[in-house]
Amino acid sequence: MKAKNIFTLIFAAAALCAFSSGDDGSPATPPPTEPTDPTPQAKLPINISTSLVQLSGTRVTDYAFEAGDKIGLYVVNRTAEGAAQQLKPTGNHVDNMAFTYSGTWTPATPIYWLDDKTHADFYLYYPYRADMANVESMAVSLNADQSTEAAYKASDFLVGSATDVAPTEQAVSIASRHLMSQMLITLVPGNGFTDETLAAANVSVRINAAMTNATVSLASATVSPTGATSAITPLKTGEFSYKALIVPQEINAGNLITVTVDGRDFNLPRTISLESGHLYRCTVTLSKTSNGINVSIDRWQDDGVDYGGTAE
């Protein structure tokens, strides 16, 4: 046999052995391959949008949020069974994340859903504060002097929630509402006054004996007045109009409103119960002859009822 044929036979035998597992000549099992990791799922970002439940009356911009406003957001994941879990100061899925408004809401840092299945509850509040130690009893203070736009705006407080929300690429819509009450005061010239004389007079207005401190529960969206009372100086919004934000409470201490015209006080003795998120309109008719004030009060919208009276 030629050398060339010998080498051919040797090569064929080696190839046959490579596909044989042993003495029985069965094919050998290929060596195991390492499993490949599945492609990781992209995180789903959380986006939000907001709306005001009540659109007439108080800040923010009295109708809507404006550029630069900042809210705080909490996100609480539900259990695997879909049950709600308690909102806590820390340890939630998202804790007090600051969002800033510029037409849309932008978080200080991006936040994401836990996964594509877990539902969550959302809680927001305005204005944002970095030091949030207690979400069940948040200390809130209103300015007693609200005579400037900045002081008035700083006295507003809103909360909102959206519950049992499924993970989504869309913005989560969170309805928010004012927790404080608002009082609108309009001065009207009566006997002894005209528009001209009242406009030329030195006029000041104050709301008496109102508590300006409160505690707020973010989860239940409730507010409770605390502390001592003081007089509130409202913001002048027009020639004869004023407005103030007040902690919801019952005011029952002598004069509700005092209007001072050129050093002379016109007082309104009245008890009033202020509710969260309601507007109270007071049309004050000043009369030199009766030294009286006629007042009508309505809520967020005019209910057609005259709550007025005369102060002696």
C-alpha atoms as a PDB file:
ATOM      1  CA  MET A   1       0.000   0.000   0.000  1.00  0.00           C
ATOM      2  CA  LYS A   2       1.264   3.380  -0.889  1.00  0.00           C
ATOM      3  CA  ALA A   3       2.130   5.871   1.852  1.00  0.00           C
ATOM      4  CA  LYS A   4      -0.506   8.251   0.581  1.00  0.00           C
ATOM      5  CA  ASN A   5      -3.266   5.686   1.087  1.00  0.00           C
ATOM      6  CA  ILE A   6      -2.019   4.825   4.581  1.00  0.00           C
ATOM      7  CA  PHE A   7      -2.268   8.460   5.721  1.00  0.00           C
ATOM      8  CA  THR A   8      -5.770   8.717   4.262  1.00  0.00           C
ATOM      9  CA  LEU A   9      -6.933   5.690   6.260  1.00  0.00           C
ATOM     10  CA  ILE A  10      -5.395   7.056   9.464  1.00  0.00           C
ATOM     11  CA  PHE A  11      -7.160  10.431   9.014  1.00  0.00           C
ATOM     12  CA  ALA A  12     -10.528   8.750   8.386  1.00  0.00           C
ATOM     13  CA  ALA A  13     -10.161   6.595  11.500  1.00  0.00           C
ATOM     14  CA  ALA A  14      -9.366   9.650  13.612  1.00  0.00           C
ATOM     15  CA  ALA A  15     -12.415  11.460  12.276  1.00  0.00           C
ATOM     16  CA  LEU A  16     -14.611   8.465  13.075  1.00  0.00           C
ATOM     17  CA  CYS A  17     -13.307   8.356  16.636  1.00  0.00           C
ATOM     18  CA  ALA A  18     -14.125  12.012  17.085  1.00  0.00           C
ATOM     19  CA  PHE A  19     -17.831  11.303  16.542  1.00  0.00           C
ATOM     20  CA  SER A  20     -17.844   8.146  18.654  1.00  0.00           C
ATOM     21  CA  SER A  21     -18.650   8.181  22.370  1.00  0.00           C
ATOM     22  CA  GLY A  22     -17.144   4.861  23.178  1.00  0.00           C
ATOM     23  CA  ASP A  23     -16.992   1.240  22.419  1.00  0.00           C
ATOM     24  CA  ASP A  24     -20.584   1.079  21.031  1.00  0.00           C
ATOM     25  CA  GLY A  25     -19.789   3.622  18.355  1.00  0.00           C
ATOM     26  CA  SER A  26     -22.717   5.956  19.254  1.00  0.00           C
ATOM     27  CA  PRO A  27     -22.296   9.708  18.517  1.00  0.00           C
ATOM     28  CA  ALA A  28     -20.710  11.690  21.302  1.00  0.00           C
ATOM     29  CA  THR A  29     -22.810  14.343  23.133  1.00  0.00           C
ATOM     30  CA  PRO A  30     -21.627  17.848  22.204  1.00  0.00           C
ATOM     31  CA  PRO A  31     -20.120  19.774  25.098  1.00  0.00           C
ATOM     32  CA  PRO A  32     -22.700  21.919  26.993  1.00  0.00           C
ATOM     33  CA  THR A  33     -22.889  25.606  26.091  1.00  0.00           C
ATOM     34  CA  GLU A  34     -23.201  28.410  28.661  1.00  0.00           C
ATOM     35  CA  PRO A  35     -26.800  29.806  28.925  1.00  0.00           C
ATOM     36  CA  THR A  36     -27.186  33.337  27.640  1.00  0.00           C
ATOM     37  CA  ASP A  37     -28.862  35.948  29.850  1.00  0.00           C
ATOM     38  CA  PRO A  38     -32.157  37.324  28.521  1.00  0.00           C
ATOM     39  CA  THR A  39     -32.062  40.902  27.341  1.00  0.00           C
ATOM     40  CA  PRO A  40     -32.814  43.049  30.429  1.00  0.00           C
ATOM     41  CA  GLN A  41     -36.129  44.887  30.255  1.00  0.00           C
ATOM     42  CA  ALA A  42     -35.822  48.650  29.981  1.00  0.00           C
ATOM     43  CA  LYS A  43     -36.994  50.579  33.037  1.00  0.00           C
ATOM     44  CA  LEU A  44     -40.328  52.330  32.646  1.00  0.00           C
ATOM     45  CA  PRO A  45     -40.043  55.997  33.682  1.00  0.00           C
ATOM     46  CA  ILE A  46     -42.711  57.613  35.859  1.00  0.00           C
ATOM     47  CA  ASN A  47     -44.227  60.811  34.463  1.00  0.00           C
ATOM     48  CA  ILE A  48     -47.040  62.852  35.986  1.00  0.00           C
ATOM     49  CA  SER A  49     -49.546  65.529  35.050  1.00  0.00           C
ATOM     50  CA  THR A  50     -51.768  67.542  37.384  1.00  0.00           C
ATOM     51  CA  SER A  51     -55.142  69.232  37.473  1.00  0.00           C
ATOM     52  CA  LEU A  52     -56.984  71.312  40.052  1.00  0.00           C
ATOM     53  CA  VAL A  53     -60.286  69.924  41.288  1.00  0.00           C
ATOM     54  CA  GLN A  54     -61.568  73.431  41.999  1.00  0.00           C
ATOM     55  CA  LEU A  55     -60.646  76.027  39.421  1.00  0.00           C
ATOM     56  CA  SER A  56     -62.036  79.215  40.930  1.00  0.00           C
ATOM     57  CA  GLY A  57     -60.452  81.124  43.739  1.00  0.00           C
ATOM     58  CA  THR A  58     -57.125  80.509  45.311  1.00  0.00           C
ATOM     59  CA  ARG A  59     -53.588  80.076  44.083  1.00  0.00           C
ATOM     60  CA  VAL A  60     -51.787  78.502  42.229  1.00  0.00           C
ATOM     61  CA  THR A  61     -52.167  81.481  39.847  1.00  0.00           C
ATOM     62  CA  ASP A  62     -55.709  81.116  41.246  1.00  0.00           C
ATOM     63  CA  TYR A  63     -56.458  78.729  38.382  1.00  0.00           C
ATOM     64  CA  ALA A  64     -53.464  76.547  37.510  1.00  0.00           C
ATOM     65  CA  PHE A  65     -49.815  75.859  38.275  1.00  0.00           C
ATOM     66  CA  GLU A  66     -47.301  78.261  36.801  1.00  0.00           C
ATOM     67  CA  ALA A  67     -43.698  77.940  35.670  1.00  0.00           C
ATOM     68  CA  GLY A  68     -41.298  77.406  38.555  1.00  0.00           C
ATOM     69  CA  ASP A  69     -43.856  75.889  40.941  1.00  0.00           C
ATOM     70  CA  LYS A  70     -42.489  72.871  42.738  1.00  0.00           C
ATOM     71  CA  ILE A  71     -44.352  69.902  44.255  1.00  0.00           C
ATOM     72  CA  GLY A  72     -43.297  66.880  46.318  1.00  0.00           C
ATOM     73  CA  LEU A  73     -44.295  63.373  45.205  1.00  0.00           C
ATOM     74  CA  TYR A  74     -44.561  60.053  47.055  1.00  0.00           C
ATOM     75  CA  VAL A  75     -45.173  56.723  45.313  1.00  0.00           C
ATOM     76  CA  VAL A  76     -46.263  53.667  47.334  1.00  0.00           C
ATOM     77  CA  ASN A  77     -46.241  50.269  45.636  1.00  0.00           C
ATOM     78  CA  ARG A  78     -49.174  47.923  46.154  1.00  0.00           C
ATOM     79  CA  THR A  79     -48.676  44.315  47.261  1.00  0.00           C
ATOM     80  CA  ALA A  80     -48.526  41.426  44.798  1.00  0.00           C
ATOM     81  CA  GLU A  81     -52.206  40.852  45.618  1.00  0.00           C
ATOM     82  CA  GLY A  82     -53.040  44.476  44.830  1.00  0.00           C
ATOM     83  CA  ALA A  83     -53.605  45.662  48.402  1.00  0.00           C
ATOM     84  CA  ALA A  84     -52.743  49.244  49.338  1.00  0.00           C
ATOM     85  CA  GLN A  85     -49.816  49.862  51.677  1.00  0.00           C
ATOM     86  CA  GLN A  86     -49.353  52.670  54.189  1.00  0.00           C
ATOM     87  CA  LEU A  87     -47.690  55.901  53.150  1.00  0.00           C
ATOM     88  CA  LYS A  88     -44.572  56.381  55.285  1.00  0.00           C
ATOM     89  CA  PRO A  89     -42.141  59.282  55.772  1.00  0.00           C
ATOM     90  CA  THR A  90     -39.389  57.165  54.159  1.00  0.00           C
ATOM     91  CA  GLY A  91     -39.062  53.694  52.697  1.00  0.00           C
ATOM     92  CA  ASN A  92     -41.730  54.116  50.023  1.00  0.00           C
ATOM     93  CA  HIS A  93     -40.993  53.368  46.372  1.00  0.00           C
ATOM     94  CA  VAL A  94     -40.468  57.127  45.864  1.00  0.00           C
ATOM     95  CA  ASP A  95     -39.900  59.484  48.806  1.00  0.00           C
ATOM     96  CA  ASN A  96     -40.608  63.211  48.514  1.00  0.00           C
ATOM     97  CA  MET A  97     -39.267  63.616  44.981  1.00  0.00           C
ATOM     98  CA  ALA A  98     -39.259  67.254  43.887  1.00  0.00           C
ATOM     99  CA  PHE A  99     -40.977  68.003  40.554  1.00  0.00           C
ATOM    100  CA  THR A 100     -40.692  71.424  38.909  1.00  0.00           C
ATOM    101  CA  TYR A 101     -43.276  72.790  36.497  1.00  0.00           C
ATOM    102  CA  SER A 102     -42.359  74.322  33.130  1.00  0.00           C
ATOM    103  CA  GLY A 103     -45.368  73.332  31.055  1.00  0.00           C
ATOM    104  CA  THR A 104     -44.725  69.740  32.096  1.00  0.00           C
ATOM    105  CA  TRP A 105     -43.465  68.299  35.378  1.00  0.00           C
ATOM    106  CA  THR A 106     -39.773  67.380  35.597  1.00  0.00           C
ATOM    107  CA  PRO A 107     -38.353  65.372  38.527  1.00  0.00           C
ATOM    108  CA  ALA A 108     -35.131  66.374  40.239  1.00  0.00           C
ATOM    109  CA  THR A 109     -33.830  62.932  39.236  1.00  0.00           C
ATOM    110  CA  PRO A 110     -35.536  60.345  36.995  1.00  0.00           C
ATOM    111  CA  ILE A 111     -37.825  57.862  38.758  1.00  0.00           C
ATOM    112  CA  TYR A 112     -39.134  54.523  37.479  1.00  0.00           C
ATOM    113  CA  TRP A 113     -41.897  52.013  38.085  1.00  0.00           C
ATOM    114  CA  LEU A 114     -40.879  48.918  40.067  1.00  0.00           C
ATOM    115  CA  ASP A 115     -41.712  46.733  37.047  1.00  0.00           C
ATOM    116  CA  ASP A 116     -44.381  46.482  34.365  1.00  0.00           C
ATOM    117  CA  LYS A 117     -46.949  44.812  36.633  1.00  0.00           C
ATOM    118  CA  THR A 118     -46.932  46.363  40.129  1.00  0.00           C
ATOM    119  CA  HIS A 119     -49.669  48.966  40.736  1.00  0.00           C
ATOM    120  CA  ALA A 120     -48.910  52.019  42.883  1.00  0.00           C
ATOM    121  CA  ASP A 121     -50.552  54.883  44.792  1.00  0.00           C
ATOM    122  CA  PHE A 122     -49.398  58.477  44.180  1.00  0.00           C
ATOM    123  CA  TYR A 123     -49.489  61.379  46.671  1.00  0.00           C
ATOM    124  CA  LEU A 124     -48.407  64.942  45.976  1.00  0.00           C
ATOM    125  CA  TYR A 125     -48.375  68.204  47.881  1.00  0.00           C
ATOM    126  CA  TYR A 126     -47.577  71.851  47.140  1.00  0.00           C
ATOM    127  CA  PRO A 127     -45.427  73.775  47.911  1.00  0.00           C
ATOM    128  CA  TYR A 128     -42.420  71.475  48.069  1.00  0.00           C
ATOM    129  CA  ARG A 129     -40.303  71.260  51.195  1.00  0.00           C
ATOM    130  CA  ALA A 130     -37.090  69.290  51.580  1.00  0.00           C
ATOM    131  CA  ASP A 131     -37.582  68.487  55.272  1.00  0.00           C
ATOM    132  CA  MET A 132     -40.550  66.108  55.424  1.00  0.00           C
ATOM    133  CA  ALA A 133     -40.318  64.198  58.689  1.00  0.00           C
ATOM    134  CA  ASN A 134     -44.018  63.436  59.126  1.00  0.00           C
ATOM    135  CA  VAL A 135     -46.525  62.733  56.354  1.00  0.00           C
ATOM    136  CA  GLU A 136     -49.402  62.157  58.782  1.00  0.00           C
ATOM    137  CA  SER A 137     -49.010  65.398  60.721  1.00  0.00           C
ATOM    138  CA  MET A 138     -47.189  67.895  58.521  1.00  0.00           C
ATOM    139  CA  ALA A 139     -46.798  71.282  60.199  1.00  0.00           C
ATOM    140  CA  VAL A 140     -48.136  74.082  58.000  1.00  0.00           C
ATOM    141  CA  SER A 141     -48.057  77.824  58.719  1.00  0.00           C
ATOM    142  CA  LEU A 142     -49.919  80.570  56.895  1.00  0.00           C
ATOM    143  CA  ASN A 143     -48.692  84.131  56.849  1.00  0.00           C
ATOM    144  CA  ALA A 144     -50.653  86.474  59.093  1.00  0.00           C
ATOM    145  CA  ASP A 145     -49.628  89.327  56.815  1.00  0.00           C
ATOM    146  CA  GLN A 146     -50.689  88.363  53.300  1.00  0.00           C
ATOM    147  CA  SER A 147     -50.592  91.899  51.954  1.00  0.00           C
ATOM    148  CA  THR A 148     -47.980  91.024  49.312  1.00  0.00           C
ATOM    149  CA  GLU A 149     -48.380  88.587  46.431  1.00  0.00           C
ATOM    150  CA  ALA A 150     -45.433  86.519  47.651  1.00  0.00           C
ATOM    151  CA  ALA A 151     -46.833  86.227  51.192  1.00  0.00           C
ATOM    152  CA  TYR A 152     -50.255  85.267  49.864  1.00  0.00           C
ATOM    153  CA  LYS A 153     -48.849  82.627  47.495  1.00  0.00           C
ATOM    154  CA  ALA A 154     -46.697  81.152  50.263  1.00  0.00           C
ATOM    155  CA  SER A 155     -49.837  80.561  52.347  1.00  0.00           C
ATOM    156  CA  ASP A 156     -51.435  78.183  49.850  1.00  0.00           C
ATOM    157  CA  PHE A 157     -51.304  74.422  50.349  1.00  0.00           C
ATOM    158  CA  LEU A 158     -52.499  71.758  47.915  1.00  0.00           C
ATOM    159  CA  VAL A 159     -52.626  67.977  48.054  1.00  0.00           C
ATOM    160  CA  GLY A 160     -53.523  65.369  45.470  1.00  0.00           C
ATOM    161  CA  SER A 161     -53.603  61.617  44.967  1.00  0.00           C
ATOM    162  CA  ALA A 162     -54.117  58.901  42.365  1.00  0.00           C
ATOM    163  CA  THR A 163     -54.609  55.353  43.624  1.00  0.00           C
ATOM    164  CA  ASP A 164     -54.195  51.857  42.209  1.00  0.00           C
ATOM    165  CA  VAL A 165     -52.405  53.062  39.074  1.00  0.00           C
ATOM    166  CA  ALA A 166     -51.072  50.445  36.667  1.00  0.00           C
ATOM    167  CA  PRO A 167     -47.582  50.935  35.204  1.00  0.00           C
ATOM    168  CA  THR A 168     -47.823  53.028  32.059  1.00  0.00           C
ATOM    169  CA  GLU A 169     -45.733  55.010  29.631  1.00  0.00           C
ATOM    170  CA  GLN A 170     -48.320  57.792  29.817  1.00  0.00           C
ATOM    171  CA  ALA A 171     -48.216  60.582  32.412  1.00  0.00           C
ATOM    172  CA  VAL A 172     -50.135  59.691  35.564  1.00  0.00           C
ATOM    173  CA  SER A 173     -52.858  62.312  36.064  1.00  0.00           C
ATOM    174  CA  ILE A 174     -53.108  63.457  39.681  1.00  0.00           C
ATOM    175  CA  ALA A 175     -56.034  65.658  40.716  1.00  0.00           C
ATOM    176  CA  SER A 176     -55.075  68.158  43.410  1.00  0.00           C
ATOM    177  CA  ARG A 177     -57.130  70.499  45.551  1.00  0.00           C
ATOM    178  CA  HIS A 178     -56.732  73.432  47.902  1.00  0.00           C
ATOM    179  CA  LEU A 179     -56.748  72.473  51.579  1.00  0.00           C
ATOM    180  CA  MET A 180     -57.163  76.011  52.871  1.00  0.00           C
ATOM    181  CA  SER A 181     -60.235  78.231  52.783  1.00  0.00           C
ATOM    182  CA  GLN A 182     -60.280  81.502  50.902  1.00  0.00           C
ATOM    183  CA  MET A 183     -62.077  84.702  51.776  1.00  0.00           C
ATOM    184  CA  LEU A 184     -62.780  87.372  49.159  1.00  0.00           C
ATOM    185  CA  ILE A 185     -63.730  90.774  50.571  1.00  0.00           C
ATOM    186  CA  THR A 186     -65.259  93.537  48.473  1.00  0.00           C
ATOM    187  CA  LEU A 187     -65.876  97.013  49.896  1.00  0.00           C
ATOM    188  CA  VAL A 188     -68.954  98.885  48.701  1.00  0.00           C
ATOM    189  CA  PRO A 189     -69.691 102.548  49.562  1.00  0.00           C
ATOM    190  CA  GLY A 190     -72.941 102.976  51.500  1.00  0.00           C
ATOM    191  CA  ASN A 191     -74.499 105.969  53.242  1.00  0.00           C
ATOM    192  CA  GLY A 192     -71.950 108.752  53.614  1.00  0.00           C
ATOM    193  CA  PHE A 193     -69.502 107.282  51.073  1.00  0.00           C
ATOM    194  CA  THR A 194     -69.045 107.420  47.341  1.00  0.00           C
ATOM    195  CA  ASP A 195     -66.651 105.514  45.122  1.00  0.00           C
ATOM    196  CA  GLU A 196     -64.505 108.636  44.961  1.00  0.00           C
ATOM    197  CA  THR A 197     -64.380 109.342  48.701  1.00  0.00           C
ATOM    198  CA  LEU A 198     -63.744 105.694  49.539  1.00  0.00           C
ATOM    199  CA  ALA A 199     -60.993 105.471  46.946  1.00  0.00           C
ATOM    200  CA  ALA A 200     -59.359 108.604  48.385  1.00  0.00           C
ATOM    201  CA  ALA A 201     -59.591 107.400  52.003  1.00  0.00           C
ATOM    202  CA  ASN A 202     -56.916 105.581  53.980  1.00  0.00           C
ATOM    203  CA  VAL A 203     -58.442 102.091  54.153  1.00  0.00           C
ATOM    204  CA  SER A 204     -57.197  98.904  55.820  1.00  0.00           C
ATOM    205  CA  VAL A 205     -58.862  95.526  56.244  1.00  0.00           C
ATOM    206  CA  ARG A 206     -58.189  92.703  58.645  1.00  0.00           C
ATOM    207  CA  ILE A 207     -59.735  89.336  59.486  1.00  0.00           C
ATOM    208  CA  ASN A 208     -59.742  88.792  63.237  1.00  0.00           C
ATOM    209  CA  ALA A 209     -59.102  85.870  65.581  1.00  0.00           C
ATOM    210  CA  ALA A 210     -58.026  83.220  63.064  1.00  0.00           C
ATOM    211  CA  MET A 211     -55.542  80.416  63.672  1.00  0.00           C
ATOM    212  CA  THR A 212     -52.741  80.482  61.123  1.00  0.00           C
ATOM    213  CA  ASN A 213     -51.061  77.145  61.979  1.00  0.00           C
ATOM    214  CA  ALA A 214     -52.274  73.652  61.125  1.00  0.00           C
ATOM    215  CA  THR A 215     -51.283  70.028  60.662  1.00  0.00           C
ATOM    216  CA  VAL A 216     -51.960  68.147  57.427  1.00  0.00           C
ATOM    217  CA  SER A 217     -52.329  64.435  56.719  1.00  0.00           C
ATOM    218  CA  LEU A 218     -51.052  63.791  53.215  1.00  0.00           C
ATOM    219  CA  ALA A 219     -52.678  60.360  52.895  1.00  0.00           C
ATOM    220  CA  SER A 220     -56.169  61.462  53.993  1.00  0.00           C
ATOM    221  CA  ALA A 221     -55.914  65.043  52.644  1.00  0.00           C
ATOM    222  CA  THR A 222     -57.210  66.535  55.902  1.00  0.00           C
ATOM    223  CA  VAL A 223     -56.159  69.680  57.770  1.00  0.00           C
ATOM    224  CA  SER A 224     -56.511  70.555  61.464  1.00  0.00           C
ATOM    225  CA  PRO A 225     -55.998  74.053  62.935  1.00  0.00           C
ATOM    226  CA  THR A 226     -53.544  74.463  65.813  1.00  0.00           C
ATOM    227  CA  GLY A 227     -52.080  77.152  68.032  1.00  0.00           C
ATOM    228  CA  ALA A 228     -53.090  80.676  68.926  1.00  0.00           C
ATOM    229  CA  THR A 229     -55.166  83.093  66.892  1.00  0.00           C
ATOM    230  CA  SER A 230     -54.056  86.296  65.204  1.00  0.00           C
ATOM    231  CA  ALA A 231     -55.339  88.926  62.791  1.00  0.00           C
ATOM    232  CA  ILE A 232     -54.846  88.281  59.064  1.00  0.00           C
ATOM    233  CA  THR A 233     -54.091  91.129  56.699  1.00  0.00           C
ATOM    234  CA  PRO A 234     -55.442  90.242  53.240  1.00  0.00           C
ATOM    235  CA  LEU A 235     -53.910  90.979  49.850  1.00  0.00           C
ATOM    236  CA  LYS A 236     -55.410  93.949  48.033  1.00  0.00           C
ATOM    237  CA  THR A 237     -56.365  92.794  44.543  1.00  0.00           C
ATOM    238  CA  GLY A 238     -58.280  95.816  43.259  1.00  0.00           C
ATOM    239  CA  GLU A 239     -59.460  99.249  44.288  1.00  0.00           C
ATOM    240  CA  PHE A 240     -62.027  97.832  46.720  1.00  0.00           C
ATOM    241  CA  SER A 241     -61.225  94.088  46.744  1.00  0.00           C
ATOM    242  CA  TYR A 242     -59.096  91.863  48.983  1.00  0.00           C
ATOM    243  CA  LYS A 243     -58.402  88.170  49.437  1.00  0.00           C
ATOM    244  CA  ALA A 244     -56.822  85.938  52.079  1.00  0.00           C
ATOM    245  CA  LEU A 245     -56.130  82.257  52.654  1.00  0.00           C
ATOM    246  CA  ILE A 246     -57.287  80.923  56.014  1.00  0.00           C
ATOM    247  CA  VAL A 247     -56.899  77.612  57.821  1.00  0.00           C
ATOM    248  CA  PRO A 248     -60.301  75.837  57.869  1.00  0.00           C
ATOM    249  CA  GLN A 249     -61.807  76.482  61.294  1.00  0.00           C
ATOM    250  CA  GLU A 250     -64.687  78.042  63.176  1.00  0.00           C
ATOM    251  CA  ILE A 251     -64.057  81.696  63.973  1.00  0.00           C
ATOM    252  CA  ASN A 252     -66.094  82.835  66.957  1.00  0.00           C
ATOM    253  CA  ALA A 253     -64.396  85.651  68.798  1.00  0.00           C
ATOM    254  CA  GLY A 254     -65.927  89.116  68.612  1.00  0.00           C
ATOM    255  CA  ASN A 255     -65.461  90.797  65.271  1.00  0.00           C
ATOM    256  CA  LEU A 256     -64.846  88.682  62.196  1.00  0.00           C
ATOM    257  CA  ILE A 257     -63.801  91.571  59.926  1.00  0.00           C
ATOM    258  CA  THR A 258     -62.615  95.064  60.764  1.00  0.00           C
ATOM    259  CA  VAL A 259     -62.444  97.738  58.059  1.00  0.00           C
ATOM    260  CA  THR A 260     -60.649 100.909  59.114  1.00  0.00           C
ATOM    261  CA  VAL A 261     -61.466 104.016  57.067  1.00  0.00           C
ATOM    262  CA  ASP A 262     -59.447 107.142  57.914  1.00  0.00           C
ATOM    263  CA  GLY A 263     -58.943 105.897  61.458  1.00  0.00           C
ATOM    264  CA  ARG A 264     -62.565 104.833  62.055  1.00  0.00           C
ATOM    265  CA  ASP A 265     -63.272 101.118  62.600  1.00  0.00           C
ATOM    266  CA  PHE A 266     -66.243  99.344  61.047  1.00  0.00           C
ATOM    267  CA  ASN A 267     -66.629  95.970  62.778  1.00  0.00           C
ATOM    268  CA  LEU A 268     -68.565  92.857  61.875  1.00  0.00           C
ATOM    269  CA  PRO A 269     -69.387  90.541  64.801  1.00  0.00           C
ATOM    270  CA  ARG A 270     -69.984  87.132  63.287  1.00  0.00           C
ATOM    271  CA  THR A 271     -69.353  83.418  63.778  1.00  0.00           C
ATOM    272  CA  ILE A 272     -68.348  81.517  60.673  1.00  0.00           C
ATOM    273  CA  SER A 273     -67.281  77.932  59.917  1.00  0.00           C
ATOM    274  CA  LEU A 274     -64.681  77.739  57.184  1.00  0.00           C
ATOM    275  CA  GLU A 275     -64.326  74.471  55.263  1.00  0.00           C
ATOM    276  CA  SER A 276     -61.363  73.129  53.366  1.00  0.00           C
ATOM    277  CA  GLY A 277     -61.328  74.069  49.692  1.00  0.00           C
ATOM    278  CA  HIS A 278     -64.245  76.509  49.957  1.00  0.00           C
ATOM    279  CA  LEU A 279     -64.391  80.162  49.021  1.00  0.00           C
ATOM    280  CA  TYR A 280     -66.278  82.698  51.130  1.00  0.00           C
ATOM    281  CA  ARG A 281     -67.265  85.945  49.485  1.00  0.00           C
ATOM    282  CA  CYS A 282     -67.882  88.939  51.734  1.00  0.00           C
ATOM    283  CA  THR A 283     -69.433  92.052  50.219  1.00  0.00           C
ATOM    284  CA  VAL A 284     -68.927  94.752  52.834  1.00  0.00           C
ATOM    285  CA  THR A 285     -71.179  97.820  52.573  1.00  0.00           C
ATOM    286  CA  LEU A 286     -69.755 100.706  54.576  1.00  0.00           C
ATOM    287  CA  SER A 287     -72.281 103.162  56.015  1.00  0.00           C
ATOM    288  CA  LYS A 288     -71.420 106.214  58.133  1.00  0.00           C
ATOM    289  CA  THR A 289     -74.992 106.656  59.299  1.00  0.00           C
ATOM    290  CA  SER A 290     -75.477 103.181  60.696  1.00  0.00           C
ATOM    291  CA  ASN A 291     -71.820 102.420  61.401  1.00  0.00           C
ATOM    292  CA  GLY A 292     -72.693  99.075  59.885  1.00  0.00           C
ATOM    293  CA  ILE A 293     -71.380  96.487  57.528  1.00  0.00           C
ATOM    294  CA  ASN A 294     -73.629  94.316  55.399  1.00  0.00           C
ATOM    295  CA  VAL A 295     -72.027  91.006  54.509  1.00  0.00           C
ATOM    296  CA  SER A 296     -73.024  88.260  52.116  1.00  0.00           C
ATOM    297  CA  ILE A 297     -71.067  85.012  52.054  1.00  0.00           C
ATOM    298  CA  ASP A 298     -71.078  82.211  49.545  1.00  0.00           C
ATOM    299  CA  ARG A 299     -68.922  79.188  48.929  1.00  0.00           C
ATOM    300  CA  TRP A 300     -66.903  78.132  45.884  1.00  0.00           C
ATOM    301  CA  GLN A 301     -69.846  79.100  43.709  1.00  0.00           C
ATOM    302  CA  ASP A 302     -72.810  81.315  44.530  1.00  0.00           C
ATOM    303  CA  ASP A 303     -75.528  79.153  46.069  1.00  0.00           C
ATOM    304  CA  GLY A 304     -78.065  81.966  45.899  1.00  0.00           C
ATOM    305  CA  VAL A 305     -78.320  82.313  49.669  1.00  0.00           C
ATOM    306  CA  ASP A 306     -77.736  85.650  51.420  1.00  0.00           C
ATOM    307  CA  TYR A 307     -75.753  85.071  54.601  1.00  0.00           C
ATOM    308  CA  GLY A 308     -75.508  88.792  55.337  1.00  0.00           C
ATOM    309  CA  GLY A 309     -76.069  90.859  58.436  1.00  0.00           C
ATOM    310  CA  THR A 310     -75.524  94.310  59.922  1.00  0.00           C
ATOM    311  CA  ALA A 311     -72.869  95.277  62.418  1.00  0.00           C
ATOM    312  CA  GLU A 312     -73.585  98.107  64.867  1.00  0.00           C
END
